[in-house]
Amino acid sequence: MALDSIDAVCTKYGTKFTQVPKQSFLGFKTLTCPTCQEKLTYPLTKTRTIVYWVIFGWMAFIIFNDFNDGLGNNLPFIVGKISIPLILGVAAISAILRDRSIRKHLSKATSVSSTNVAG
């Protein structure tokens, strides 16, 4: 699936530009500022964020259910001593936390950029 171009703002200098992003493994959009060559990461889509929350919730349910049953009774989800739901849950929550961090950083850059244009 080809991604559409997006309007972006450089977080370093506030330069506005339009570019077709590349997508990372977890779904973050990555861009390169044409002015300063800064690598930018844009947040997840709302749909992907919801999917990660659902995955995290489902994995948390499975893990807690395993603990209540004696950890290990759910054999299809166990690889050695590391639980696959644990790995998926950690990946989902790390994507969610990274998304929040990117959104916060981007909102600061956007507000600085709009202040520079207005001022």
PDB file of N, CA and C in Angstrom:
ATOM      1  N   MET A   1       0.846  -1.179   0.000  1.00  0.00           N
ATOM      2  CA  MET A   1       0.000   0.000   0.000  1.00  0.00           C
ATOM      3  C   MET A   1       0.890   1.240   0.000  1.00  0.00           C
ATOM      4  N   ALA A   2       0.689   2.086  -0.993  1.00  0.00           N
ATOM      5  CA  ALA A   2       1.470   3.319  -1.094  1.00  0.00           C
ATOM      6  C   ALA A   2       0.925   4.361  -0.125  1.00  0.00           C
ATOM      7  N   LEU A   3       1.823   5.066   0.508  1.00  0.00           N
ATOM      8  CA  LEU A   3       1.430   6.112   1.446  1.00  0.00           C
ATOM      9  C   LEU A   3       1.220   7.423   0.703  1.00  0.00           C
ATOM     10  N   ASP A   4       0.287   8.219   1.176  1.00  0.00           N
ATOM     11  CA  ASP A   4       0.052   9.540   0.612  1.00  0.00           C
ATOM     12  C   ASP A   4       1.051  10.528   1.186  1.00  0.00           C
ATOM     13  N   SER A   5       1.326  11.587   0.437  1.00  0.00           N
ATOM     14  CA  SER A   5       2.240  12.608   0.959  1.00  0.00           C
ATOM     15  C   SER A   5       1.554  13.344   2.108  1.00  0.00           C
ATOM     16  N   ILE A   6       2.365  13.779   3.059  1.00  0.00           N
ATOM     17  CA  ILE A   6       1.828  14.492   4.211  1.00  0.00           C
ATOM     18  C   ILE A   6       2.537  15.831   4.362  1.00  0.00           C
ATOM     19  N   ASP A   7       1.843  16.780   4.956  1.00  0.00           N
ATOM     20  CA  ASP A   7       2.442  18.066   5.291  1.00  0.00           C
ATOM     21  C   ASP A   7       3.187  17.874   6.605  1.00  0.00           C
ATOM     22  N   ALA A   8       4.466  18.227   6.608  1.00  0.00           N
ATOM     23  CA  ALA A   8       5.296  18.000   7.783  1.00  0.00           C
ATOM     24  C   ALA A   8       5.974  19.292   8.207  1.00  0.00           C
ATOM     25  N   VAL A   9       6.422  19.292   9.461  1.00  0.00           N
ATOM     26  CA  VAL A   9       7.158  20.421  10.031  1.00  0.00           C
ATOM     27  C   VAL A   9       8.439  19.867  10.640  1.00  0.00           C
ATOM     28  N   CYS A  10       9.574  20.443  10.260  1.00  0.00           N
ATOM     29  CA  CYS A  10      10.862  20.031  10.819  1.00  0.00           C
ATOM     30  C   CYS A  10      10.884  20.404  12.301  1.00  0.00           C
ATOM     31  N   THR A  11      11.221  19.448  13.135  1.00  0.00           N
ATOM     32  CA  THR A  11      11.248  19.698  14.576  1.00  0.00           C
ATOM     33  C   THR A  11      12.491  20.472  14.998  1.00  0.00           C
ATOM     34  N   LYS A  12      13.470  20.563  14.110  1.00  0.00           N
ATOM     35  CA  LYS A  12      14.708  21.267  14.441  1.00  0.00           C
ATOM     36  C   LYS A  12      14.608  22.764  14.125  1.00  0.00           C
ATOM     37  N   TYR A  13      14.132  23.100  12.891  1.00  0.00           N
ATOM     38  CA  TYR A  13      14.085  24.504  12.479  1.00  0.00           C
ATOM     39  C   TYR A  13      12.682  25.021  12.174  1.00  0.00           C
ATOM     40  N   GLY A  14      11.681  24.142  12.190  1.00  0.00           N
ATOM     41  CA  GLY A  14      10.316  24.568  11.934  1.00  0.00           C
ATOM     42  C   GLY A  14       9.976  24.725  10.459  1.00  0.00           C
ATOM     43  N   THR A  15      10.808  24.208   9.577  1.00  0.00           N
ATOM     44  CA  THR A  15      10.561  24.280   8.143  1.00  0.00           C
ATOM     45  C   THR A  15       9.354  23.426   7.780  1.00  0.00           C
ATOM     46  N   LYS A  16       8.430  23.984   7.006  1.00  0.00           N
ATOM     47  CA  LYS A  16       7.265  23.225   6.562  1.00  0.00           C
ATOM     48  C   LYS A  16       7.553  22.656   5.185  1.00  0.00           C
ATOM     49  N   PHE A  17       7.173  21.389   4.965  1.00  0.00           N
ATOM     50  CA  PHE A  17       7.382  20.748   3.675  1.00  0.00           C
ATOM     51  C   PHE A  17       6.369  19.626   3.496  1.00  0.00           C
ATOM     52  N   THR A  18       6.232  19.168   2.256  1.00  0.00           N
ATOM     53  CA  THR A  18       5.341  18.056   1.928  1.00  0.00           C
ATOM     54  C   THR A  18       6.198  16.935   1.361  1.00  0.00           C
ATOM     55  N   GLN A  19       5.960  15.709   1.850  1.00  0.00           N
ATOM     56  CA  GLN A  19       6.784  14.578   1.432  1.00  0.00           C
ATOM     57  C   GLN A  19       6.007  13.279   1.606  1.00  0.00           C
ATOM     58  N   VAL A  20       6.347  12.292   0.778  1.00  0.00           N
ATOM     59  CA  VAL A  20       5.781  10.955   0.944  1.00  0.00           C
ATOM     60  C   VAL A  20       6.649  10.222   1.972  1.00  0.00           C
ATOM     61  N   PRO A  21       6.065   9.802   3.096  1.00  0.00           N
ATOM     62  CA  PRO A  21       6.866   9.162   4.153  1.00  0.00           C
ATOM     63  C   PRO A  21       7.148   7.695   3.850  1.00  0.00           C
ATOM     64  N   LYS A  22       8.140   7.171   4.542  1.00  0.00           N
ATOM     65  CA  LYS A  22       8.378   5.730   4.581  1.00  0.00           C
ATOM     66  C   LYS A  22       7.771   5.253   5.893  1.00  0.00           C
ATOM     67  N   GLN A  23       7.396   3.975   5.936  1.00  0.00           N
ATOM     68  CA  GLN A  23       6.762   3.460   7.147  1.00  0.00           C
ATOM     69  C   GLN A  23       7.693   2.470   7.844  1.00  0.00           C
ATOM     70  N   SER A  24       7.851   2.652   9.155  1.00  0.00           N
ATOM     71  CA  SER A  24       8.697   1.748   9.934  1.00  0.00           C
ATOM     72  C   SER A  24       7.938   0.454  10.235  1.00  0.00           C
ATOM     73  N   PHE A  25       8.615  -0.494  10.839  1.00  0.00           N
ATOM     74  CA  PHE A  25       8.017  -1.794  11.150  1.00  0.00           C
ATOM     75  C   PHE A  25       6.769  -1.667  12.017  1.00  0.00           C
ATOM     76  N   LEU A  26       6.807  -0.797  13.018  1.00  0.00           N
ATOM     77  CA  LEU A  26       5.660  -0.638  13.912  1.00  0.00           C
ATOM     78  C   LEU A  26       4.597   0.318  13.359  1.00  0.00           C
ATOM     79  N   GLY A  27       4.875   0.969  12.234  1.00  0.00           N
ATOM     80  CA  GLY A  27       3.878   1.827  11.607  1.00  0.00           C
ATOM     81  C   GLY A  27       4.119   3.312  11.727  1.00  0.00           C
ATOM     82  N   PHE A  28       5.254   3.714  12.276  1.00  0.00           N
ATOM     83  CA  PHE A  28       5.566   5.136  12.362  1.00  0.00           C
ATOM     84  C   PHE A  28       6.001   5.626  10.989  1.00  0.00           C
ATOM     85  N   LYS A  29       5.616   6.856  10.656  1.00  0.00           N
ATOM     86  CA  LYS A  29       6.000   7.444   9.378  1.00  0.00           C
ATOM     87  C   LYS A  29       7.322   8.183   9.559  1.00  0.00           C
ATOM     88  N   THR A  30       8.293   7.905   8.693  1.00  0.00           N
ATOM     89  CA  THR A  30       9.588   8.567   8.780  1.00  0.00           C
ATOM     90  C   THR A  30       9.801   9.450   7.556  1.00  0.00           C
ATOM     91  N   LEU A  31      10.317  10.645   7.805  1.00  0.00           N
ATOM     92  CA  LEU A  31      10.575  11.633   6.765  1.00  0.00           C
ATOM     93  C   LEU A  31      11.964  12.215   6.949  1.00  0.00           C
ATOM     94  N   THR A  32      12.462  12.881   5.922  1.00  0.00           N
ATOM     95  CA  THR A  32      13.725  13.594   6.017  1.00  0.00           C
ATOM     96  C   THR A  32      13.488  15.031   5.588  1.00  0.00           C
ATOM     97  N   CYS A  33      13.878  15.982   6.441  1.00  0.00           N
ATOM     98  CA  CYS A  33      13.711  17.397   6.126  1.00  0.00           C
ATOM     99  C   CYS A  33      14.588  17.744   4.927  1.00  0.00           C
ATOM    100  N   PRO A  34      14.015  18.368   3.895  1.00  0.00           N
ATOM    101  CA  PRO A  34      14.818  18.711   2.717  1.00  0.00           C
ATOM    102  C   PRO A  34      15.831  19.829   2.975  1.00  0.00           C
ATOM    103  N   THR A  35      15.614  20.618   4.023  1.00  0.00           N
ATOM    104  CA  THR A  35      16.511  21.731   4.323  1.00  0.00           C
ATOM    105  C   THR A  35      17.717  21.294   5.137  1.00  0.00           C
ATOM    106  N   CYS A  36      17.492  20.611   6.253  1.00  0.00           N
ATOM    107  CA  CYS A  36      18.593  20.273   7.166  1.00  0.00           C
ATOM    108  C   CYS A  36      18.910  18.776   7.219  1.00  0.00           C
ATOM    109  N   GLN A  37      18.180  17.955   6.461  1.00  0.00           N
ATOM    110  CA  GLN A  37      18.377  16.501   6.405  1.00  0.00           C
ATOM    111  C   GLN A  37      18.105  15.799   7.740  1.00  0.00           C
ATOM    112  N   GLU A  38      17.375  16.468   8.636  1.00  0.00           N
ATOM    113  CA  GLU A  38      16.991  15.882   9.922  1.00  0.00           C
ATOM    114  C   GLU A  38      15.980  14.750   9.669  1.00  0.00           C
ATOM    115  N   LYS A  39      16.205  13.600  10.318  1.00  0.00           N
ATOM    116  CA  LYS A  39      15.260  12.482  10.214  1.00  0.00           C
ATOM    117  C   LYS A  39      14.117  12.731  11.186  1.00  0.00           C
ATOM    118  N   LEU A  40      12.907  12.724  10.673  1.00  0.00           N
ATOM    119  CA  LEU A  40      11.719  12.982  11.483  1.00  0.00           C
ATOM    120  C   LEU A  40      10.862  11.729  11.559  1.00  0.00           C
ATOM    121  N   THR A  41      10.241  11.525  12.685  1.00  0.00           N
ATOM    122  CA  THR A  41       9.317  10.414  12.852  1.00  0.00           C
ATOM    123  C   THR A  41       7.959  10.998  13.217  1.00  0.00           C
ATOM    124  N   TYR A  42       6.951  10.616  12.450  1.00  0.00           N
ATOM    125  CA  TYR A  42       5.595  11.083  12.709  1.00  0.00           C
ATOM    126  C   TYR A  42       4.807   9.997  13.421  1.00  0.00           C
ATOM    127  N   PRO A  43       3.778  10.384  14.182  1.00  0.00           N
ATOM    128  CA  PRO A  43       3.059   9.412  15.027  1.00  0.00           C
ATOM    129  C   PRO A  43       2.249   8.389  14.242  1.00  0.00           C
ATOM    130  N   LEU A  44       1.749   7.424  14.985  1.00  0.00           N
ATOM    131  CA  LEU A  44       0.889   6.382  14.429  1.00  0.00           C
ATOM    132  C   LEU A  44      -0.463   6.966  14.041  1.00  0.00           C
ATOM    133  N   THR A  45      -1.143   6.278  13.147  1.00  0.00           N
ATOM    134  CA  THR A  45      -2.516   6.670  12.840  1.00  0.00           C
ATOM    135  C   THR A  45      -3.396   6.281  14.018  1.00  0.00           C
ATOM    136  N   LYS A  46      -4.562   6.883  14.105  1.00  0.00           N
ATOM    137  CA  LYS A  46      -5.483   6.594  15.207  1.00  0.00           C
ATOM    138  C   LYS A  46      -5.884   5.111  15.196  1.00  0.00           C
ATOM    139  N   THR A  47      -6.112   4.558  14.012  1.00  0.00           N
ATOM    140  CA  THR A  47      -6.505   3.153  13.896  1.00  0.00           C
ATOM    141  C   THR A  47      -5.415   2.233  14.430  1.00  0.00           C
ATOM    142  N   ARG A  48      -4.166   2.505  14.063  1.00  0.00           N
ATOM    143  CA  ARG A  48      -3.068   1.656  14.515  1.00  0.00           C
ATOM    144  C   ARG A  48      -2.876   1.775  16.028  1.00  0.00           C
ATOM    145  N   THR A  49      -3.075   2.973  16.576  1.00  0.00           N
ATOM    146  CA  THR A  49      -2.976   3.154  18.023  1.00  0.00           C
ATOM    147  C   THR A  49      -4.037   2.323  18.737  1.00  0.00           C
ATOM    148  N   ILE A  50      -5.252   2.337  18.219  1.00  0.00           N
ATOM    149  CA  ILE A  50      -6.333   1.538  18.804  1.00  0.00           C
ATOM    150  C   ILE A  50      -5.990   0.048  18.731  1.00  0.00           C
ATOM    151  N   VAL A  51      -5.455  -0.388  17.589  1.00  0.00           N
ATOM    152  CA  VAL A  51      -5.077  -1.794  17.437  1.00  0.00           C
ATOM    153  C   VAL A  51      -4.019  -2.177  18.470  1.00  0.00           C
ATOM    154  N   TYR A  52      -3.020  -1.306  18.689  1.00  0.00           N
ATOM    155  CA  TYR A  52      -1.995  -1.597  19.686  1.00  0.00           C
ATOM    156  C   TYR A  52      -2.576  -1.668  21.093  1.00  0.00           C
ATOM    157  N   TRP A  53      -3.548  -0.806  21.410  1.00  0.00           N
ATOM    158  CA  TRP A  53      -4.194  -0.882  22.727  1.00  0.00           C
ATOM    159  C   TRP A  53      -4.959  -2.194  22.871  1.00  0.00           C
ATOM    160  N   VAL A  54      -5.623  -2.629  21.796  1.00  0.00           N
ATOM    161  CA  VAL A  54      -6.363  -3.899  21.846  1.00  0.00           C
ATOM    162  C   VAL A  54      -5.388  -5.061  22.031  1.00  0.00           C
ATOM    163  N   ILE A  55      -4.280  -5.046  21.281  1.00  0.00           N
ATOM    164  CA  ILE A  55      -3.266  -6.107  21.424  1.00  0.00           C
ATOM    165  C   ILE A  55      -2.723  -6.122  22.843  1.00  0.00           C
ATOM    166  N   PHE A  56      -2.403  -4.937  23.376  1.00  0.00           N
ATOM    167  CA  PHE A  56      -1.878  -4.866  24.739  1.00  0.00           C
ATOM    168  C   PHE A  56      -2.884  -5.419  25.746  1.00  0.00           C
ATOM    169  N   GLY A  57      -4.139  -5.032  25.615  1.00  0.00           N
ATOM    170  CA  GLY A  57      -5.177  -5.521  26.526  1.00  0.00           C
ATOM    171  C   GLY A  57      -5.363  -7.024  26.430  1.00  0.00           C
ATOM    172  N   TRP A  58      -5.362  -7.529  25.205  1.00  0.00           N
ATOM    173  CA  TRP A  58      -5.529  -8.966  25.006  1.00  0.00           C
ATOM    174  C   TRP A  58      -4.348  -9.727  25.590  1.00  0.00           C
ATOM    175  N   MET A  59      -3.155  -9.231  25.347  1.00  0.00           N
ATOM    176  CA  MET A  59      -1.959  -9.894  25.879  1.00  0.00           C
ATOM    177  C   MET A  59      -1.926  -9.826  27.410  1.00  0.00           C
ATOM    178  N   ALA A  60      -2.320  -8.692  27.973  1.00  0.00           N
ATOM    179  CA  ALA A  60      -2.362  -8.576  29.433  1.00  0.00           C
ATOM    180  C   ALA A  60      -3.357  -9.589  30.013  1.00  0.00           C
ATOM    181  N   PHE A  61      -4.494  -9.747  29.362  1.00  0.00           N
ATOM    182  CA  PHE A  61      -5.489 -10.720  29.806  1.00  0.00           C
ATOM    183  C   PHE A  61      -4.913 -12.138  29.790  1.00  0.00           C
ATOM    184  N   ILE A  62      -4.219 -12.479  28.688  1.00  0.00           N
ATOM    185  CA  ILE A  62      -3.634 -13.823  28.572  1.00  0.00           C
ATOM    186  C   ILE A  62      -2.578 -14.044  29.645  1.00  0.00           C
ATOM    187  N   ILE A  63      -1.732 -13.044  29.857  1.00  0.00           N
ATOM    188  CA  ILE A  63      -0.660 -13.174  30.857  1.00  0.00           C
ATOM    189  C   ILE A  63      -1.245 -13.333  32.257  1.00  0.00           C
ATOM    190  N   PHE A  64      -2.220 -12.486  32.618  1.00  0.00           N
ATOM    191  CA  PHE A  64      -2.831 -12.598  33.943  1.00  0.00           C
ATOM    192  C   PHE A  64      -3.574 -13.921  34.097  1.00  0.00           C
ATOM    193  N   ASN A  65      -4.192 -14.379  33.022  1.00  0.00           N
ATOM    194  CA  ASN A  65      -4.870 -15.666  33.052  1.00  0.00           C
ATOM    195  C   ASN A  65      -3.855 -16.790  33.277  1.00  0.00           C
ATOM    196  N   ASP A  66      -2.684 -16.697  32.631  1.00  0.00           N
ATOM    197  CA  ASP A  66      -1.623 -17.684  32.843  1.00  0.00           C
ATOM    198  C   ASP A  66      -1.152 -17.690  34.292  1.00  0.00           C
ATOM    199  N   PHE A  67      -0.984 -16.504  34.875  1.00  0.00           N
ATOM    200  CA  PHE A  67      -0.551 -16.431  36.267  1.00  0.00           C
ATOM    201  C   PHE A  67      -1.588 -17.048  37.194  1.00  0.00           C
ATOM    202  N   ASN A  68      -2.849 -16.820  36.914  1.00  0.00           N
ATOM    203  CA  ASN A  68      -3.906 -17.404  37.743  1.00  0.00           C
ATOM    204  C   ASN A  68      -3.965 -18.921  37.597  1.00  0.00           C
ATOM    205  N   ASP A  69      -3.598 -19.426  36.419  1.00  0.00           N
ATOM    206  CA  ASP A  69      -3.637 -20.869  36.172  1.00  0.00           C
ATOM    207  C   ASP A  69      -2.322 -21.564  36.513  1.00  0.00           C
ATOM    208  N   GLY A  70      -1.313 -20.817  36.910  1.00  0.00           N
ATOM    209  CA  GLY A  70      -0.046 -21.433  37.269  1.00  0.00           C
ATOM    210  C   GLY A  70       1.060 -21.225  36.246  1.00  0.00           C
ATOM    211  N   LEU A  71       0.952 -20.262  35.367  1.00  0.00           N
ATOM    212  CA  LEU A  71       1.959 -19.877  34.369  1.00  0.00           C
ATOM    213  C   LEU A  71       2.542 -21.082  33.639  1.00  0.00           C
ATOM    214  N   GLY A  72       2.095 -21.269  32.442  1.00  0.00           N
ATOM    215  CA  GLY A  72       2.625 -22.352  31.635  1.00  0.00           C
ATOM    216  C   GLY A  72       1.562 -23.321  31.175  1.00  0.00           C
ATOM    217  N   ASN A  73       0.355 -23.177  31.681  1.00  0.00           N
ATOM    218  CA  ASN A  73      -0.716 -24.060  31.247  1.00  0.00           C
ATOM    219  C   ASN A  73      -1.177 -23.743  29.831  1.00  0.00           C
ATOM    220  N   ASN A  74      -0.908 -22.544  29.379  1.00  0.00           N
ATOM    221  CA  ASN A  74      -1.302 -22.125  28.038  1.00  0.00           C
ATOM    222  C   ASN A  74      -0.132 -22.382  27.089  1.00  0.00           C
ATOM    223  N   LEU A  75       0.168 -23.646  26.810  1.00  0.00           N
ATOM    224  CA  LEU A  75       1.382 -24.051  26.107  1.00  0.00           C
ATOM    225  C   LEU A  75       1.594 -23.424  24.724  1.00  0.00           C
ATOM    226  N   PRO A  76       0.573 -23.193  23.900  1.00  0.00           N
ATOM    227  CA  PRO A  76       0.859 -22.596  22.592  1.00  0.00           C
ATOM    228  C   PRO A  76       1.495 -21.217  22.690  1.00  0.00           C
ATOM    229  N   PHE A  77       1.361 -20.536  23.831  1.00  0.00           N
ATOM    230  CA  PHE A  77       1.901 -19.191  23.979  1.00  0.00           C
ATOM    231  C   PHE A  77       3.238 -19.157  24.704  1.00  0.00           C
ATOM    232  N   ILE A  78       3.780 -20.314  25.050  1.00  0.00           N
ATOM    233  CA  ILE A  78       5.021 -20.334  25.816  1.00  0.00           C
ATOM    234  C   ILE A  78       6.166 -20.795  24.919  1.00  0.00           C
ATOM    235  N   VAL A  79       7.262 -20.033  24.920  1.00  0.00           N
ATOM    236  CA  VAL A  79       8.481 -20.431  24.222  1.00  0.00           C
ATOM    237  C   VAL A  79       9.567 -20.440  25.286  1.00  0.00           C
ATOM    238  N   GLY A  80       9.994 -21.617  25.692  1.00  0.00           N
ATOM    239  CA  GLY A  80      10.954 -21.709  26.792  1.00  0.00           C
ATOM    240  C   GLY A  80      10.319 -21.128  28.038  1.00  0.00           C
ATOM    241  N   LYS A  81      10.955 -20.073  28.591  1.00  0.00           N
ATOM    242  CA  LYS A  81      10.409 -19.416  29.767  1.00  0.00           C
ATOM    243  C   LYS A  81       9.860 -18.034  29.449  1.00  0.00           C
ATOM    244  N   ILE A  82       9.977 -17.618  28.195  1.00  0.00           N
ATOM    245  CA  ILE A  82       9.489 -16.293  27.799  1.00  0.00           C
ATOM    246  C   ILE A  82       8.150 -16.458  27.100  1.00  0.00           C
ATOM    247  N   SER A  83       7.175 -15.741  27.563  1.00  0.00           N
ATOM    248  CA  SER A  83       5.837 -15.823  27.016  1.00  0.00           C
ATOM    249  C   SER A  83       5.701 -14.930  25.779  1.00  0.00           C
ATOM    250  N   ILE A  84       5.161 -15.468  24.699  1.00  0.00           N
ATOM    251  CA  ILE A  84       4.942 -14.677  23.486  1.00  0.00           C
ATOM    252  C   ILE A  84       3.994 -13.508  23.765  1.00  0.00           C
ATOM    253  N   PRO A  85       2.909 -13.696  24.540  1.00  0.00           N
ATOM    254  CA  PRO A  85       2.069 -12.542  24.858  1.00  0.00           C
ATOM    255  C   PRO A  85       2.831 -11.444  25.583  1.00  0.00           C
ATOM    256  N   LEU A  86       3.784 -11.822  26.407  1.00  0.00           N
ATOM    257  CA  LEU A  86       4.598 -10.822  27.097  1.00  0.00           C
ATOM    258  C   LEU A  86       5.388  -9.997  26.087  1.00  0.00           C
ATOM    259  N   ILE A  87       5.990 -10.663  25.111  1.00  0.00           N
ATOM    260  CA  ILE A  87       6.768  -9.967  24.084  1.00  0.00           C
ATOM    261  C   ILE A  87       5.871  -9.055  23.258  1.00  0.00           C
ATOM    262  N   LEU A  88       4.710  -9.564  22.830  1.00  0.00           N
ATOM    263  CA  LEU A  88       3.785  -8.755  22.030  1.00  0.00           C
ATOM    264  C   LEU A  88       3.226  -7.586  22.842  1.00  0.00           C
ATOM    265  N   GLY A  89       2.945  -7.839  24.108  1.00  0.00           N
ATOM    266  CA  GLY A  89       2.437  -6.772  24.970  1.00  0.00           C
ATOM    267  C   GLY A  89       3.461  -5.672  25.173  1.00  0.00           C
ATOM    268  N   VAL A  90       4.717  -6.067  25.367  1.00  0.00           N
ATOM    269  CA  VAL A  90       5.787  -5.089  25.532  1.00  0.00           C
ATOM    270  C   VAL A  90       5.978  -4.291  24.240  1.00  0.00           C
ATOM    271  N   ALA A  91       5.930  -4.961  23.093  1.00  0.00           N
ATOM    272  CA  ALA A  91       6.059  -4.252  21.809  1.00  0.00           C
ATOM    273  C   ALA A  91       4.909  -3.265  21.619  1.00  0.00           C
ATOM    274  N   ALA A  92       3.698  -3.680  21.963  1.00  0.00           N
ATOM    275  CA  ALA A  92       2.541  -2.800  21.803  1.00  0.00           C
ATOM    276  C   ALA A  92       2.627  -1.589  22.725  1.00  0.00           C
ATOM    277  N   ILE A  93       2.967  -1.801  23.989  1.00  0.00           N
ATOM    278  CA  ILE A  93       3.028  -0.673  24.921  1.00  0.00           C
ATOM    279  C   ILE A  93       4.204   0.238  24.592  1.00  0.00           C
ATOM    280  N   SER A  94       5.315  -0.322  24.092  1.00  0.00           N
ATOM    281  CA  SER A  94       6.433   0.543  23.710  1.00  0.00           C
ATOM    282  C   SER A  94       6.060   1.399  22.505  1.00  0.00           C
ATOM    283  N   ALA A  95       5.290   0.855  21.566  1.00  0.00           N
ATOM    284  CA  ALA A  95       4.822   1.642  20.422  1.00  0.00           C
ATOM    285  C   ALA A  95       3.873   2.747  20.884  1.00  0.00           C
ATOM    286  N   ILE A  96       3.006   2.435  21.832  1.00  0.00           N
ATOM    287  CA  ILE A  96       2.064   3.429  22.349  1.00  0.00           C
ATOM    288  C   ILE A  96       2.807   4.554  23.067  1.00  0.00           C
ATOM    289  N   LEU A  97       3.777   4.194  23.898  1.00  0.00           N
ATOM    290  CA  LEU A  97       4.548   5.214  24.626  1.00  0.00           C
ATOM    291  C   LEU A  97       5.398   6.060  23.677  1.00  0.00           C
ATOM    292  N   ARG A  98       5.994   5.415  22.678  1.00  0.00           N
ATOM    293  CA  ARG A  98       6.786   6.164  21.689  1.00  0.00           C
ATOM    294  C   ARG A  98       5.880   7.112  20.904  1.00  0.00           C
ATOM    295  N   ASP A  99       4.682   6.664  20.575  1.00  0.00           N
ATOM    296  CA  ASP A  99       3.722   7.502  19.857  1.00  0.00           C
ATOM    297  C   ASP A  99       3.381   8.744  20.666  1.00  0.00           C
ATOM    298  N   ARG A 100       3.140   8.568  21.962  1.00  0.00           N
ATOM    299  CA  ARG A 100       2.829   9.718  22.820  1.00  0.00           C
ATOM    300  C   ARG A 100       3.990  10.699  22.877  1.00  0.00           C
ATOM    301  N   SER A 101       5.201  10.166  22.969  1.00  0.00           N
ATOM    302  CA  SER A 101       6.390  11.016  23.005  1.00  0.00           C
ATOM    303  C   SER A 101       6.546  11.795  21.701  1.00  0.00           C
ATOM    304  N   ILE A 102       6.331  11.128  20.581  1.00  0.00           N
ATOM    305  CA  ILE A 102       6.436  11.790  19.272  1.00  0.00           C
ATOM    306  C   ILE A 102       5.367  12.864  19.139  1.00  0.00           C
ATOM    307  N   ARG A 103       4.149  12.562  19.559  1.00  0.00           N
ATOM    308  CA  ARG A 103       3.067  13.552  19.476  1.00  0.00           C
ATOM    309  C   ARG A 103       3.383  14.791  20.317  1.00  0.00           C
ATOM    310  N   LYS A 104       3.918  14.586  21.516  1.00  0.00           N
ATOM    311  CA  LYS A 104       4.261  15.712  22.390  1.00  0.00           C
ATOM    312  C   LYS A 104       5.364  16.558  21.749  1.00  0.00           C
ATOM    313  N   HIS A 105       6.396  15.899  21.246  1.00  0.00           N
ATOM    314  CA  HIS A 105       7.523  16.592  20.615  1.00  0.00           C
ATOM    315  C   HIS A 105       7.061  17.345  19.370  1.00  0.00           C
ATOM    316  N   LEU A 106       6.183  16.719  18.596  1.00  0.00           N
ATOM    317  CA  LEU A 106       5.673  17.335  17.368  1.00  0.00           C
ATOM    318  C   LEU A 106       4.789  18.532  17.674  1.00  0.00           C
ATOM    319  N   SER A 107       3.979  18.451  18.730  1.00  0.00           N
ATOM    320  CA  SER A 107       3.117  19.581  19.076  1.00  0.00           C
ATOM    321  C   SER A 107       3.939  20.780  19.519  1.00  0.00           C
ATOM    322  N   LYS A 108       5.054  20.533  20.224  1.00  0.00           N
ATOM    323  CA  LYS A 108       5.943  21.626  20.606  1.00  0.00           C
ATOM    324  C   LYS A 108       6.557  22.271  19.367  1.00  0.00           C
ATOM    325  N   ALA A 109       7.011  21.438  18.422  1.00  0.00           N
ATOM    326  CA  ALA A 109       7.632  21.960  17.206  1.00  0.00           C
ATOM    327  C   ALA A 109       6.622  22.737  16.364  1.00  0.00           C
ATOM    328  N   THR A 110       5.393  22.245  16.307  1.00  0.00           N
ATOM    329  CA  THR A 110       4.356  22.920  15.536  1.00  0.00           C
ATOM    330  C   THR A 110       3.994  24.249  16.170  1.00  0.00           C
ATOM    331  N   SER A 111       3.917  24.293  17.495  1.00  0.00           N
ATOM    332  CA  SER A 111       3.575  25.569  18.162  1.00  0.00           C
ATOM    333  C   SER A 111       4.713  26.578  18.010  1.00  0.00           C
ATOM    334  N   VAL A 112       5.955  26.113  18.055  1.00  0.00           N
ATOM    335  CA  VAL A 112       7.103  26.996  17.842  1.00  0.00           C
ATOM    336  C   VAL A 112       7.107  27.507  16.411  1.00  0.00           C
ATOM    337  N   SER A 113       6.780  26.629  15.464  1.00  0.00           N
ATOM    338  CA  SER A 113       6.752  27.017  14.056  1.00  0.00           C
ATOM    339  C   SER A 113       5.680  28.053  13.788  1.00  0.00           C
ATOM    340  N   SER A 114       4.490  27.878  14.378  1.00  0.00           N
ATOM    341  CA  SER A 114       3.400  28.832  14.171  1.00  0.00           C
ATOM    342  C   SER A 114       3.708  30.168  14.866  1.00  0.00           C
ATOM    343  N   THR A 115       4.426  30.122  15.983  1.00  0.00           N
ATOM    344  CA  THR A 115       4.834  31.339  16.671  1.00  0.00           C
ATOM    345  C   THR A 115       5.838  32.126  15.827  1.00  0.00           C
ATOM    346  N   ASN A 116       6.786  31.403  15.185  1.00  0.00           N
ATOM    347  CA  ASN A 116       7.780  32.052  14.330  1.00  0.00           C
ATOM    348  C   ASN A 116       7.135  32.700  13.110  1.00  0.00           C
ATOM    349  N   VAL A 117       6.105  32.066  12.546  1.00  0.00           N
ATOM    350  CA  VAL A 117       5.419  32.613  11.378  1.00  0.00           C
ATOM    351  C   VAL A 117       4.609  33.831  11.786  1.00  0.00           C
ATOM    352  N   ALA A 118       3.930  33.755  12.951  1.00  0.00           N
ATOM    353  CA  ALA A 118       3.097  34.872  13.405  1.00  0.00           C
ATOM    354  C   ALA A 118       3.932  36.061  13.855  1.00  0.00           C
ATOM    355  N   GLY A 119       5.103  35.797  14.411  1.00  0.00           N
ATOM    356  CA  GLY A 119       5.921  36.843  15.019  1.00  0.00           C
ATOM    357  C   GLY A 119       6.854  37.447  14.099  1.00  0.00           C
TER     358      GLY A 119
END
